[in-house]
Amino acid sequence: MRRGLARDLCALADGTLHGEQREALLGRVSGSPALGWALNQQLIAVEAIRRLDTLAPTELRERIQRT
């Protein structure tokens, strides 16, 4: 899977993909069992991370903010 597509699936799963990009990706996902599976895996990961009560290290959060 392309890196950009993986990034967009992650953004879709965590609710940060918006507008036309979101709608376009939802259309692709609905037509592809493989993308549907990949999105489901991202949703599971997002839910697991949200249930954690530990913050990511400051250095990691800052690095993510810079990208």
N, C-alpha and C. Protein backbone atom coordinates (compact mmCIF):
# COMPACT_ATOMS: atom_id res chain seq x y z
N MET A 1 0.84 -1.17 0.00
CA MET A 1 0.00 0.00 0.00
C MET A 1 0.89 1.24 0.00
N ARG A 2 0.50 2.19 -0.80
CA ARG A 2 1.24 3.46 -0.86
C ARG A 2 1.24 4.14 0.50
N ARG A 3 2.33 4.81 0.80
CA ARG A 3 2.46 5.51 2.08
C ARG A 3 1.36 6.57 2.25
N GLY A 4 1.07 7.30 1.19
CA GLY A 4 0.04 8.34 1.26
C GLY A 4 -1.34 7.76 1.53
N LEU A 5 -1.63 6.63 0.91
CA LEU A 5 -2.92 5.98 1.13
C LEU A 5 -3.02 5.49 2.56
N ALA A 6 -1.97 4.90 3.08
CA ALA A 6 -1.96 4.45 4.47
C ALA A 6 -2.17 5.63 5.42
N ARG A 7 -1.51 6.74 5.13
CA ARG A 7 -1.67 7.95 5.95
C ARG A 7 -3.11 8.45 5.92
N ASP A 8 -3.71 8.43 4.71
CA ASP A 8 -5.08 8.90 4.59
C ASP A 8 -6.06 7.97 5.30
N LEU A 9 -5.81 6.66 5.25
CA LEU A 9 -6.67 5.71 5.97
C LEU A 9 -6.60 5.96 7.47
N CYS A 10 -5.41 6.25 7.95
CA CYS A 10 -5.24 6.55 9.37
C CYS A 10 -6.01 7.82 9.73
N ALA A 11 -5.89 8.83 8.89
CA ALA A 11 -6.60 10.09 9.14
C ALA A 11 -8.11 9.88 9.08
N LEU A 12 -8.56 9.04 8.19
CA LEU A 12 -9.99 8.73 8.12
C LEU A 12 -10.43 8.05 9.41
N ALA A 13 -9.64 7.11 9.88
CA ALA A 13 -9.99 6.36 11.09
C ALA A 13 -10.00 7.25 12.33
N ASP A 14 -9.09 8.21 12.40
CA ASP A 14 -9.04 9.03 13.62
C ASP A 14 -9.87 10.32 13.50
N GLY A 15 -10.53 10.49 12.37
CA GLY A 15 -11.44 11.62 12.22
C GLY A 15 -10.80 12.91 11.77
N THR A 16 -9.56 12.85 11.29
CA THR A 16 -8.89 14.09 10.89
C THR A 16 -8.87 14.30 9.37
N LEU A 17 -9.47 13.39 8.62
CA LEU A 17 -9.57 13.58 7.16
C LEU A 17 -10.93 14.19 6.88
N HIS A 18 -10.95 15.31 6.17
CA HIS A 18 -12.20 16.05 5.98
C HIS A 18 -12.47 16.34 4.51
N GLY A 19 -13.65 16.83 4.27
CA GLY A 19 -14.03 17.35 2.96
C GLY A 19 -14.00 16.35 1.84
N GLU A 20 -13.58 16.84 0.69
CA GLU A 20 -13.57 16.04 -0.53
C GLU A 20 -12.64 14.83 -0.41
N GLN A 21 -11.51 15.02 0.27
CA GLN A 21 -10.59 13.90 0.45
C GLN A 21 -11.27 12.76 1.20
N ARG A 22 -12.00 13.11 2.25
CA ARG A 22 -12.70 12.11 3.05
C ARG A 22 -13.74 11.38 2.20
N GLU A 23 -14.53 12.12 1.48
CA GLU A 23 -15.57 11.52 0.65
C GLU A 23 -14.98 10.63 -0.43
N ALA A 24 -13.91 11.08 -1.05
CA ALA A 24 -13.27 10.28 -2.10
C ALA A 24 -12.73 8.97 -1.53
N LEU A 25 -12.10 9.05 -0.37
CA LEU A 25 -11.54 7.84 0.22
C LEU A 25 -12.64 6.90 0.68
N LEU A 26 -13.71 7.42 1.24
CA LEU A 26 -14.83 6.56 1.62
C LEU A 26 -15.39 5.83 0.40
N GLY A 27 -15.43 6.49 -0.73
CA GLY A 27 -15.88 5.85 -1.97
C GLY A 27 -14.95 4.72 -2.38
N ARG A 28 -13.66 4.96 -2.27
CA ARG A 28 -12.69 3.90 -2.60
C ARG A 28 -12.80 2.73 -1.64
N VAL A 29 -12.95 3.03 -0.36
CA VAL A 29 -13.05 1.98 0.66
C VAL A 29 -14.29 1.13 0.44
N SER A 30 -15.40 1.78 0.09
CA SER A 30 -16.65 1.03 -0.09
C SER A 30 -16.57 0.08 -1.28
N GLY A 31 -15.69 0.35 -2.22
CA GLY A 31 -15.55 -0.51 -3.39
C GLY A 31 -14.41 -1.50 -3.33
N SER A 32 -13.72 -1.57 -2.18
CA SER A 32 -12.54 -2.42 -2.10
C SER A 32 -12.52 -3.18 -0.77
N PRO A 33 -12.69 -4.50 -0.82
CA PRO A 33 -12.59 -5.27 0.42
C PRO A 33 -11.23 -5.10 1.11
N ALA A 34 -10.16 -4.99 0.34
CA ALA A 34 -8.83 -4.82 0.94
C ALA A 34 -8.73 -3.49 1.68
N LEU A 35 -9.25 -2.42 1.09
CA LEU A 35 -9.22 -1.12 1.77
C LEU A 35 -10.16 -1.12 2.96
N GLY A 36 -11.29 -1.80 2.84
CA GLY A 36 -12.21 -1.92 3.97
C GLY A 36 -11.54 -2.61 5.15
N TRP A 37 -10.79 -3.68 4.86
CA TRP A 37 -10.07 -4.40 5.90
C TRP A 37 -9.01 -3.49 6.53
N ALA A 38 -8.27 -2.77 5.68
CA ALA A 38 -7.22 -1.89 6.18
C ALA A 38 -7.81 -0.78 7.06
N LEU A 39 -8.94 -0.22 6.66
CA LEU A 39 -9.58 0.82 7.47
C LEU A 39 -10.04 0.23 8.80
N ASN A 40 -10.59 -0.96 8.76
CA ASN A 40 -11.03 -1.59 10.00
C ASN A 40 -9.85 -1.79 10.95
N GLN A 41 -8.70 -2.19 10.44
CA GLN A 41 -7.51 -2.35 11.27
C GLN A 41 -7.09 -1.01 11.88
N GLN A 42 -7.19 0.06 11.11
CA GLN A 42 -6.86 1.39 11.62
C GLN A 42 -7.83 1.80 12.72
N LEU A 43 -9.12 1.51 12.52
CA LEU A 43 -10.13 1.84 13.53
C LEU A 43 -9.86 1.11 14.84
N ILE A 44 -9.48 -0.16 14.74
CA ILE A 44 -9.14 -0.94 15.93
C ILE A 44 -7.94 -0.31 16.64
N ALA A 45 -6.92 0.08 15.88
CA ALA A 45 -5.72 0.69 16.47
C ALA A 45 -6.05 2.02 17.12
N VAL A 46 -6.85 2.84 16.46
CA VAL A 46 -7.23 4.14 17.02
C VAL A 46 -7.97 3.94 18.34
N GLU A 47 -8.90 3.00 18.36
CA GLU A 47 -9.65 2.75 19.59
C GLU A 47 -8.73 2.27 20.71
N ALA A 48 -7.81 1.39 20.39
CA ALA A 48 -6.87 0.89 21.40
C ALA A 48 -6.02 2.03 21.97
N ILE A 49 -5.55 2.89 21.10
CA ILE A 49 -4.71 4.02 21.55
C ILE A 49 -5.52 4.99 22.39
N ARG A 50 -6.76 5.24 22.00
CA ARG A 50 -7.60 6.17 22.77
C ARG A 50 -7.91 5.63 24.16
N ARG A 51 -7.88 4.34 24.33
CA ARG A 51 -8.17 3.75 25.64
C ARG A 51 -6.96 3.82 26.59
N LEU A 52 -5.80 4.10 26.05
CA LEU A 52 -4.61 4.22 26.89
C LEU A 52 -4.71 5.47 27.76
N ASP A 53 -4.21 5.37 28.96
CA ASP A 53 -4.21 6.56 29.81
C ASP A 53 -2.79 7.07 30.03
N THR A 54 -1.94 6.80 29.04
CA THR A 54 -0.55 7.24 29.09
C THR A 54 -0.30 8.19 27.91
N LEU A 55 0.32 9.30 28.17
CA LEU A 55 0.65 10.25 27.11
C LEU A 55 1.90 9.79 26.36
N ALA A 56 1.94 10.11 25.09
CA ALA A 56 3.15 9.87 24.31
C ALA A 56 4.25 10.78 24.84
N PRO A 57 5.50 10.36 24.71
CA PRO A 57 6.60 11.22 25.16
C PRO A 57 6.59 12.57 24.45
N THR A 58 7.01 13.59 25.15
CA THR A 58 7.02 14.95 24.61
C THR A 58 7.77 15.02 23.28
N GLU A 59 8.92 14.36 23.20
CA GLU A 59 9.72 14.40 21.97
C GLU A 59 8.93 13.84 20.79
N LEU A 60 8.22 12.76 21.00
CA LEU A 60 7.42 12.18 19.93
C LEU A 60 6.29 13.11 19.51
N ARG A 61 5.59 13.68 20.47
CA ARG A 61 4.49 14.62 20.14
C ARG A 61 5.01 15.82 19.37
N GLU A 62 6.17 16.35 19.75
CA GLU A 62 6.74 17.49 19.04
C GLU A 62 7.14 17.12 17.63
N ARG A 63 7.73 15.94 17.46
CA ARG A 63 8.14 15.48 16.12
C ARG A 63 6.93 15.32 15.21
N ILE A 64 5.85 14.80 15.74
CA ILE A 64 4.63 14.62 14.94
C ILE A 64 4.06 15.98 14.55
N GLN A 65 4.08 16.93 15.46
CA GLN A 65 3.58 18.26 15.17
C GLN A 65 4.36 18.95 14.05
N ARG A 66 5.65 18.64 13.94
CA ARG A 66 6.48 19.26 12.91
C ARG A 66 6.20 18.71 11.52
N THR A 67 5.60 17.51 11.40
CA THR A 67 5.38 16.92 10.09
C THR A 67 4.12 17.40 9.45
